[in-house]
Amino acid sequence: MTDQTFREADIERIEALFRSKASHQYVSTITGEIHVNKSMIYFLLHSLQHVDLDPAYKEEQIVAALMVDGAFETHEHVQIAPVQSALQKKKRQLTILAGDYHWSLYYSMLAHEIHAPILKVFSTSIQLINEEKMRLHLAENTDKDDFLKRLETIESGFLQNIAIYYGQKETAEAANAFFMFKRLNDELQVQEQQPLSAFMAAVHAYWTNDVEASLQKDAVLGLEEIHWLQELRESYFLELQRYAAQMPETSIIASHLTNIISQYENKFIQ
């Protein structure tokens, strides 16, 4: 068995463990099929590869992180625009509860004493991200740099903090470039969706300085906003290429990043 095959087996096992723990018949009727953030697994394995910790405990931390990611993703689907019908209100409440269910799972997985240090990283990161989301929602931004930093914290701050805790600063920086690029690319593929996603609504609120307008069902991004997002996407893609080129070819994450980059090579960079 080759080393790469072994790594893929690790990832498949972690995916299966996450699904088995996250699955809940009633919750799935609200959120649909459980999404596994496979890229996050690669970054976490890379961050933990040299940590002196039993492999079983490493997997617990990775699955717990996936639970947090699942909670964030579930809450992201909560409709932020005003709702009128009782059915819409109930669906929003149930979606929030489904996300809270994943919060409880991550905490229970890290209840063992050996996880106490990383548990603090988890909790402080979650608090910070929720605070930053609220500031975005209220358009509390002073300038573009402040706004962009807020977006970065929300998209990859959790994973960055874990990587930094384990002494993987470059991995944290690569994660920031990767997940910001992916978010921007995904959002730009569906830029005309209505109502706007929470991410796009935050962008629209920043550019227009009008929170209420950004939450309306008929809100759309202007050309200037779209061009800015396209430029950001290109910038993060170039940054991701640089980090990928610096990583040893034998590292757990190198092949994954190379595969992702090859999908978009020359697509955005003219």
Protein backbone atom coordinates (compact mmCIF):
# COMPACT_ATOMS: atom_id res chain seq x y z
CA MET A 1 0.00 0.00 0.00
CA THR A 2 1.44 3.36 -1.01
CA ASP A 3 1.61 6.34 1.32
CA GLN A 4 -0.89 8.29 -0.83
CA THR A 5 -3.34 5.37 -0.77
CA PHE A 6 -3.03 5.26 2.99
CA ARG A 7 -3.80 8.95 3.20
CA GLU A 8 -6.89 8.59 1.03
CA ALA A 9 -8.02 5.73 3.27
CA ASP A 10 -7.59 8.03 6.28
CA ILE A 11 -9.75 10.68 4.65
CA GLU A 12 -12.47 8.20 3.73
CA ARG A 13 -12.50 6.86 7.29
CA ILE A 14 -12.82 10.36 8.73
CA GLU A 15 -15.66 11.13 6.32
CA ALA A 16 -17.47 7.96 7.36
CA LEU A 17 -16.94 8.73 11.06
CA PHE A 18 -18.31 12.23 10.60
CA ARG A 19 -21.38 10.99 8.75
CA SER A 20 -22.08 8.33 11.36
CA LYS A 21 -21.92 10.82 14.23
CA ALA A 22 -23.66 13.71 12.47
CA SER A 23 -26.51 11.68 11.01
CA HIS A 24 -29.89 12.23 12.59
CA GLN A 25 -33.11 11.21 10.87
CA TYR A 26 -35.11 14.28 11.90
CA VAL A 27 -32.27 16.79 11.40
CA SER A 28 -31.70 15.44 7.87
CA THR A 29 -35.30 16.27 6.97
CA ILE A 30 -34.44 19.93 7.71
CA THR A 31 -30.91 20.28 6.36
CA GLY A 32 -30.89 17.57 3.70
CA GLU A 33 -27.89 15.35 3.01
CA ILE A 34 -24.88 15.95 5.23
CA HIS A 35 -22.11 17.80 3.43
CA VAL A 36 -18.54 16.82 4.25
CA ASN A 37 -15.98 19.55 3.73
CA LYS A 38 -13.26 17.31 2.31
CA SER A 39 -10.83 20.19 1.76
CA MET A 40 -11.06 20.98 5.46
CA ILE A 41 -10.01 17.40 6.25
CA TYR A 42 -6.86 17.82 4.15
CA PHE A 43 -5.93 21.07 5.89
CA LEU A 44 -6.56 19.58 9.34
CA LEU A 45 -4.56 16.43 8.61
CA HIS A 46 -1.72 18.62 7.39
CA SER A 47 -1.90 20.77 10.53
CA LEU A 48 -1.90 17.74 12.83
CA GLN A 49 0.61 15.54 11.01
CA HIS A 50 3.55 16.29 13.34
CA VAL A 51 1.54 16.67 16.56
CA ASP A 52 2.44 14.21 19.30
CA LEU A 53 -1.09 12.93 19.80
CA ASP A 54 -2.69 9.51 19.47
CA PRO A 55 -4.19 9.08 15.95
CA ALA A 56 -7.61 8.38 17.46
CA TYR A 57 -7.53 11.72 19.29
CA LYS A 58 -6.44 13.48 16.11
CA GLU A 59 -9.45 12.04 14.32
CA GLU A 60 -11.72 13.19 17.13
CA GLN A 61 -10.45 16.74 16.75
CA ILE A 62 -10.88 16.63 12.98
CA VAL A 63 -14.43 15.27 13.18
CA ALA A 64 -15.27 17.82 15.88
CA ALA A 65 -14.00 20.57 13.55
CA LEU A 66 -16.20 19.20 10.78
CA MET A 67 -19.15 19.42 13.19
CA VAL A 68 -18.40 23.10 13.75
CA ASP A 69 -18.13 23.63 10.01
CA GLY A 70 -21.45 21.82 9.56
CA ALA A 71 -23.10 24.06 12.15
CA PHE A 72 -21.81 27.19 10.44
CA GLU A 73 -22.98 25.92 7.07
CA THR A 74 -26.44 25.03 8.40
CA HIS A 75 -26.88 28.42 10.04
CA GLU A 76 -25.78 30.05 6.78
CA HIS A 77 -28.93 28.70 5.17
CA VAL A 78 -31.13 30.55 7.64
CA GLN A 79 -33.12 33.05 5.63
CA ILE A 80 -31.88 36.51 6.59
CA ALA A 81 -34.58 38.38 4.69
CA PRO A 82 -37.79 39.13 6.60
CA VAL A 83 -40.26 36.23 6.63
CA GLN A 84 -43.99 36.55 6.86
CA SER A 85 -45.66 33.13 6.89
CA ALA A 86 -45.76 30.83 9.90
CA LEU A 87 -44.27 28.05 7.74
CA GLN A 88 -41.25 30.19 6.84
CA LYS A 89 -40.71 31.14 10.45
CA LYS A 90 -40.90 27.51 11.55
CA LYS A 91 -38.41 26.45 8.87
CA ARG A 92 -35.99 29.15 9.99
CA GLN A 93 -36.29 28.11 13.64
CA LEU A 94 -35.73 24.44 12.78
CA THR A 95 -32.69 25.27 10.67
CA ILE A 96 -31.19 27.17 13.59
CA LEU A 97 -31.86 24.22 15.88
CA ALA A 98 -30.26 21.84 13.38
CA GLY A 99 -27.10 23.94 13.45
CA ASP A 100 -27.20 23.99 17.25
CA TYR A 101 -27.38 20.20 17.18
CA HIS A 102 -23.97 20.12 15.49
CA TRP A 103 -22.60 22.56 18.08
CA SER A 104 -23.55 20.09 20.82
CA LEU A 105 -21.88 17.22 18.97
CA TYR A 106 -18.55 18.99 18.58
CA TYR A 107 -18.46 19.85 22.28
CA SER A 108 -19.27 16.30 23.37
CA MET A 109 -16.49 14.94 21.16
CA LEU A 110 -13.88 17.16 22.84
CA ALA A 111 -15.06 16.50 26.40
CA HIS A 112 -12.00 14.32 27.09
CA GLU A 113 -9.36 16.09 29.19
CA ILE A 114 -6.68 15.65 26.55
CA HIS A 115 -8.65 17.97 24.26
CA ALA A 116 -8.95 20.78 26.82
CA PRO A 117 -6.36 23.08 25.17
CA ILE A 118 -7.82 22.78 21.66
CA LEU A 119 -11.36 23.07 23.04
CA LYS A 120 -10.50 26.62 24.09
CA VAL A 121 -9.30 27.36 20.54
CA PHE A 122 -12.61 26.01 19.21
CA SER A 123 -14.79 28.02 21.58
CA THR A 124 -12.95 31.34 21.20
CA SER A 125 -12.88 30.96 17.40
CA ILE A 126 -16.60 30.24 17.24
CA GLN A 127 -17.36 33.25 19.42
CA LEU A 128 -15.18 35.52 17.28
CA ILE A 129 -16.71 34.32 14.03
CA ASN A 130 -20.25 34.80 15.31
CA GLU A 131 -19.35 38.31 16.46
CA GLU A 132 -17.84 39.11 13.07
CA LYS A 133 -20.94 37.80 11.31
CA MET A 134 -23.08 40.11 13.40
CA ARG A 135 -20.84 43.07 12.56
CA LEU A 136 -21.11 42.19 8.88
CA HIS A 137 -24.87 41.89 9.16
CA LEU A 138 -25.01 45.36 10.72
CA ALA A 139 -22.49 46.73 8.19
CA GLU A 140 -20.06 47.81 10.93
CA ASN A 141 -17.10 48.29 8.61
CA THR A 142 -14.71 51.23 8.48
CA ASP A 143 -12.94 50.57 5.17
CA LYS A 144 -12.27 47.87 2.58
CA ASP A 145 -9.39 46.35 4.53
CA ASP A 146 -11.55 46.07 7.63
CA PHE A 147 -14.41 44.57 5.60
CA LEU A 148 -12.15 42.09 3.82
CA LYS A 149 -10.51 40.98 7.07
CA ARG A 150 -13.97 40.32 8.47
CA LEU A 151 -14.85 38.14 5.49
CA GLU A 152 -11.58 36.23 5.87
CA THR A 153 -12.20 35.59 9.56
CA ILE A 154 -15.64 34.19 8.82
CA GLU A 155 -14.51 32.00 5.94
CA SER A 156 -11.30 30.52 7.35
CA GLY A 157 -10.63 31.96 10.81
CA PHE A 158 -11.65 28.75 12.57
CA LEU A 159 -9.30 26.57 10.56
CA GLN A 160 -6.55 29.18 10.70
CA ASN A 161 -6.65 29.28 14.48
CA ILE A 162 -6.34 25.51 14.73
CA ALA A 163 -3.38 25.50 12.34
CA ILE A 164 -1.66 28.35 14.20
CA TYR A 165 -2.23 26.61 17.54
CA TYR A 166 -0.30 23.63 16.16
CA GLY A 167 2.48 25.86 14.79
CA GLN A 168 1.40 25.73 11.14
CA LYS A 169 1.38 29.42 10.19
CA GLU A 170 1.89 28.81 6.46
CA THR A 171 -0.91 26.25 6.47
CA ALA A 172 -3.16 28.86 8.07
CA GLU A 173 -2.26 31.40 5.38
CA ALA A 174 -2.83 28.85 2.61
CA ALA A 175 -6.21 27.99 4.14
CA ASN A 176 -7.19 31.64 4.06
CA ALA A 177 -6.32 31.92 0.36
CA PHE A 178 -8.02 28.63 -0.47
CA PHE A 179 -11.33 29.15 1.30
CA MET A 180 -11.67 32.79 0.27
CA PHE A 181 -11.03 31.83 -3.35
CA LYS A 182 -13.53 28.99 -3.14
CA ARG A 183 -16.20 31.17 -1.54
CA LEU A 184 -15.74 33.95 -4.08
CA ASN A 185 -15.80 31.52 -6.98
CA ASP A 186 -18.91 29.74 -5.71
CA GLU A 187 -20.73 33.02 -5.09
CA LEU A 188 -19.82 34.47 -8.48
CA GLN A 189 -21.22 31.38 -10.18
CA VAL A 190 -24.66 32.22 -8.76
CA GLN A 191 -24.36 36.00 -8.45
CA GLU A 192 -27.93 36.59 -9.65
CA GLN A 193 -29.58 34.38 -7.03
CA GLN A 194 -32.40 36.02 -5.10
CA PRO A 195 -32.53 36.65 -2.29
CA LEU A 196 -28.79 37.21 -1.94
CA SER A 197 -26.74 34.82 0.18
CA ALA A 198 -25.50 36.11 3.53
CA PHE A 199 -22.07 36.64 1.96
CA MET A 200 -23.39 38.60 -1.02
CA ALA A 201 -25.82 40.55 1.16
CA ALA A 202 -22.88 41.65 3.31
CA VAL A 203 -20.98 42.80 0.20
CA HIS A 204 -24.04 44.67 -1.06
CA ALA A 205 -24.63 46.30 2.33
CA TYR A 206 -21.00 47.45 2.44
CA TRP A 207 -21.06 48.99 -1.03
CA THR A 208 -24.46 50.62 -0.71
CA ASN A 209 -24.29 51.38 3.02
CA ASP A 210 -27.87 50.13 3.16
CA VAL A 211 -28.43 47.00 5.25
CA GLU A 212 -32.18 46.91 4.77
CA ALA A 213 -31.93 47.10 0.98
CA SER A 214 -29.41 44.25 0.88
CA LEU A 215 -31.90 41.96 2.66
CA GLN A 216 -34.75 42.49 0.21
CA LYS A 217 -35.68 39.61 -2.05
CA ASP A 218 -35.09 41.68 -5.16
CA ALA A 219 -31.64 42.95 -4.11
CA VAL A 220 -28.93 42.56 -6.79
CA LEU A 221 -25.23 43.37 -6.91
CA GLY A 222 -24.06 46.22 -9.11
CA LEU A 223 -21.34 45.91 -11.74
CA GLU A 224 -18.78 47.67 -9.54
CA GLU A 225 -19.37 45.15 -6.75
CA ILE A 226 -19.08 42.19 -9.11
CA HIS A 227 -15.87 43.50 -10.67
CA TRP A 228 -14.37 43.94 -7.20
CA LEU A 229 -15.28 40.37 -6.28
CA GLN A 230 -13.78 39.08 -9.53
CA GLU A 231 -10.53 40.90 -8.82
CA LEU A 232 -10.46 39.48 -5.30
CA ARG A 233 -11.02 35.98 -6.65
CA GLU A 234 -8.06 36.37 -8.99
CA SER A 235 -5.88 37.74 -6.18
CA TYR A 236 -6.64 34.85 -3.82
CA PHE A 237 -6.11 32.35 -6.62
CA LEU A 238 -2.63 33.74 -7.30
CA GLU A 239 -1.91 33.65 -3.59
CA LEU A 240 -3.06 30.03 -3.41
CA GLN A 241 -0.78 29.12 -6.29
CA ARG A 242 2.20 30.61 -4.44
CA TYR A 243 1.49 28.67 -1.26
CA ALA A 244 0.93 25.42 -3.15
CA ALA A 245 4.26 25.84 -4.96
CA GLN A 246 6.07 26.22 -1.63
CA MET A 247 4.68 23.03 -0.10
CA PRO A 248 6.68 19.79 -0.33
CA GLU A 249 5.23 17.48 -2.98
CA THR A 250 5.01 14.71 -0.40
CA SER A 251 2.87 16.74 2.02
CA ILE A 252 -0.66 15.56 2.70
CA ILE A 253 -2.23 18.64 1.20
CA ALA A 254 0.03 19.30 -1.80
CA SER A 255 -1.74 17.00 -4.28
CA HIS A 256 -5.15 18.25 -3.19
CA LEU A 257 -4.25 21.89 -3.76
CA THR A 258 -2.57 21.04 -7.06
CA ASN A 259 -5.73 19.29 -8.25
CA ILE A 260 -7.91 22.24 -7.24
CA ILE A 261 -5.59 24.73 -8.93
CA SER A 262 -5.45 22.70 -12.14
CA GLN A 263 -9.24 22.95 -12.42
CA TYR A 264 -9.00 26.73 -12.63
CA GLU A 265 -5.60 27.27 -14.24
CA ASN A 266 -5.81 30.10 -16.81
CA LYS A 267 -9.56 30.41 -16.23
CA PHE A 268 -9.36 33.69 -14.33
CA ILE A 269 -5.79 34.82 -14.98
CA GLN A 270 -5.54 36.44 -18.38
